[in-house]
């Protein structure tokens, strides 16, 4: 997959959110999306995988398989779980470089950041930052292995 595939996924998400006229419906959709998040093994719900900066608890794990990062996550808050499921949908299954180069324009396009409370908005930024940090770490590891 490439950044172009990532853009296609983001455009699909934007189209899905355009169906809804108000933010109450969009919040309900986020809650529905939380059901799509695969169950995270409880053994990974530890401080090691906990994201700092989120009001609710969010655990994020990244695994590198065949040069691509696959994310798994969970949260104790249902809307946050829906948000992280969107981020996983956009960033999981890509090479570290593609994740680092990703411009997550869907966040602003669907009005997510401006319609979240300040603490949830900070949490969103923390989730994105952590996913990009995982990508940077794996990118560095891959570059070291290739040298």
Protein backbone atom coordinates (compact mmCIF):
# COMPACT_ATOMS: atom_id res chain seq x y z
CA UNK A 1 0.00 0.00 0.00
CA UNK A 2 1.08 3.55 -0.49
CA UNK A 3 0.16 7.01 0.69
CA UNK A 4 -2.25 7.15 -2.29
CA UNK A 5 -4.13 4.15 -0.83
CA UNK A 6 -4.11 5.93 2.50
CA UNK A 7 -5.69 8.99 0.83
CA UNK A 8 -8.37 6.76 -0.69
CA UNK A 9 -9.25 5.41 2.76
CA UNK A 10 -9.44 8.96 4.12
CA UNK A 11 -11.77 9.99 1.27
CA UNK A 12 -14.02 7.00 2.09
CA UNK A 13 -14.20 8.14 5.73
CA UNK A 14 -15.01 11.72 4.68
CA UNK A 15 -17.82 10.42 2.45
CA UNK A 16 -19.19 8.28 5.31
CA UNK A 17 -19.33 11.30 7.63
CA UNK A 18 -20.90 13.58 4.98
CA UNK A 19 -24.11 11.55 5.27
CA UNK A 20 -24.75 13.06 8.70
CA UNK A 21 -26.06 16.58 9.14
CA UNK A 22 -25.26 17.19 12.79
CA UNK A 23 -22.60 16.21 15.25
CA UNK A 24 -24.89 14.15 17.43
CA UNK A 25 -25.32 11.75 14.49
CA UNK A 26 -21.56 11.81 13.86
CA UNK A 27 -20.91 10.95 17.52
CA UNK A 28 -23.35 8.05 17.23
CA UNK A 29 -21.48 6.90 14.12
CA UNK A 30 -18.19 7.05 16.06
CA UNK A 31 -19.79 4.87 18.72
CA UNK A 32 -20.83 2.38 16.03
CA UNK A 33 -17.27 2.40 14.64
CA UNK A 34 -15.96 1.39 18.06
CA UNK A 35 -17.69 -1.96 17.53
CA UNK A 36 -15.51 -2.54 14.43
CA UNK A 37 -12.29 -2.37 16.42
CA UNK A 38 -10.87 -5.88 16.83
CA UNK A 39 -10.59 -7.00 20.45
CA UNK A 40 -7.19 -6.30 21.95
CA UNK A 41 -5.61 -9.06 23.97
CA UNK A 42 -5.94 -8.00 27.64
CA UNK A 43 -2.26 -8.82 28.23
CA UNK A 44 -1.40 -5.67 26.22
CA UNK A 45 -3.58 -3.40 28.36
CA UNK A 46 -0.60 -2.36 30.43
CA UNK A 47 1.19 0.93 31.12
CA UNK A 48 3.70 0.01 28.39
CA UNK A 49 0.99 0.47 25.73
CA UNK A 50 -0.97 3.25 27.43
CA UNK A 51 -0.96 6.56 25.55
CA UNK A 52 -0.08 9.58 27.66
CA UNK A 53 -2.14 12.70 27.07
CA UNK A 54 -5.52 11.04 26.75
CA UNK A 55 -8.24 11.73 29.31
CA UNK A 56 -9.56 8.20 28.92
CA UNK A 57 -7.35 5.14 28.82
CA UNK A 58 -6.13 4.23 25.34
CA UNK A 59 -3.81 1.33 24.70
CA UNK A 60 -1.98 1.14 21.37
CA UNK A 61 0.25 -1.62 20.11
CA UNK A 62 2.19 -1.69 16.85
CA UNK A 63 3.68 -4.74 15.17
CA UNK A 64 5.90 -4.77 12.11
CA UNK A 65 5.04 -7.62 9.76
CA UNK A 66 6.49 -7.94 6.26
CA UNK A 67 7.63 -4.32 6.37
CA UNK A 68 4.20 -2.99 7.28
CA UNK A 69 2.89 -1.78 10.63
CA UNK A 70 -0.31 -3.23 12.03
CA UNK A 71 -1.89 -1.40 14.93
CA UNK A 72 -4.19 -2.77 17.59
CA UNK A 73 -5.84 -0.60 20.20
CA UNK A 74 -8.54 -0.33 22.80
CA UNK A 75 -10.01 2.33 25.04
CA UNK A 76 -12.21 2.47 28.09
CA UNK A 77 -14.23 5.29 26.46
CA UNK A 78 -16.52 4.40 23.58
CA UNK A 79 -16.12 7.60 21.51
CA UNK A 80 -12.34 7.46 21.92
CA UNK A 81 -12.47 3.84 20.80
CA UNK A 82 -14.31 4.99 17.66
CA UNK A 83 -11.68 7.66 17.02
CA UNK A 84 -8.78 5.24 17.38
CA UNK A 85 -10.59 2.79 15.07
CA UNK A 86 -10.58 5.51 12.37
CA UNK A 87 -6.86 6.14 12.88
CA UNK A 88 -6.13 2.42 12.65
CA UNK A 89 -8.21 2.17 9.49
CA UNK A 90 -6.15 4.97 7.91
CA UNK A 91 -2.66 4.02 9.15
CA UNK A 92 -2.59 0.26 9.74
CA UNK A 93 -1.11 -1.97 7.05
CA UNK A 94 1.29 0.63 5.67
CA UNK A 95 5.07 0.87 5.63
CA UNK A 96 6.57 3.08 8.34
CA UNK A 97 7.63 5.71 5.78
CA UNK A 98 4.08 5.95 4.41
CA UNK A 99 2.72 6.46 7.93
CA UNK A 100 5.29 9.18 8.62
CA UNK A 101 4.43 10.89 5.31
CA UNK A 102 0.66 10.67 5.88
CA UNK A 103 -1.25 13.90 6.05
CA UNK A 104 -4.31 12.99 8.07
CA UNK A 105 -6.57 15.50 6.31
CA UNK A 106 -9.73 13.53 7.14
CA UNK A 107 -9.55 14.75 10.76
CA UNK A 108 -10.24 18.34 9.75
CA UNK A 109 -12.40 17.41 6.76
CA UNK A 110 -14.97 15.62 8.94
CA UNK A 111 -14.72 18.33 11.62
CA UNK A 112 -13.43 15.90 14.21
CA UNK A 113 -10.87 18.12 15.92
CA UNK A 114 -13.09 21.19 16.19
CA UNK A 115 -16.09 19.20 17.49
CA UNK A 116 -14.25 17.33 20.22
CA UNK A 117 -13.84 18.64 23.73
CA UNK A 118 -10.35 20.09 24.36
CA UNK A 119 -9.34 17.00 26.34
CA UNK A 120 -10.53 14.62 23.60
CA UNK A 121 -8.83 16.78 20.97
CA UNK A 122 -5.57 16.51 22.94
CA UNK A 123 -6.13 12.77 23.15
CA UNK A 124 -6.57 12.57 19.38
CA UNK A 125 -3.28 14.41 18.87
CA UNK A 126 -1.60 12.07 21.38
CA UNK A 127 -2.88 9.01 19.50
CA UNK A 128 -1.60 10.34 16.15
CA UNK A 129 1.74 11.27 17.74
CA UNK A 130 2.14 7.79 19.25
CA UNK A 131 1.32 6.07 15.94
CA UNK A 132 3.89 8.23 14.15
CA UNK A 133 6.47 7.53 16.89
CA UNK A 134 5.97 3.79 16.37
CA UNK A 135 6.44 4.35 12.62
CA UNK A 136 9.61 6.36 13.22
CA UNK A 137 11.02 3.66 15.50
CA UNK A 138 10.30 0.91 12.97
CA UNK A 139 11.63 3.04 10.08
CA UNK A 140 14.87 3.58 12.00
CA UNK A 141 15.10 -0.14 12.78
CA UNK A 142 14.56 -1.06 9.09
CA UNK A 143 17.20 1.43 7.95
CA UNK A 144 19.71 0.01 10.46
CA UNK A 145 18.99 -3.53 9.28
CA UNK A 146 19.54 -2.53 5.64
CA UNK A 147 22.91 -0.90 6.34
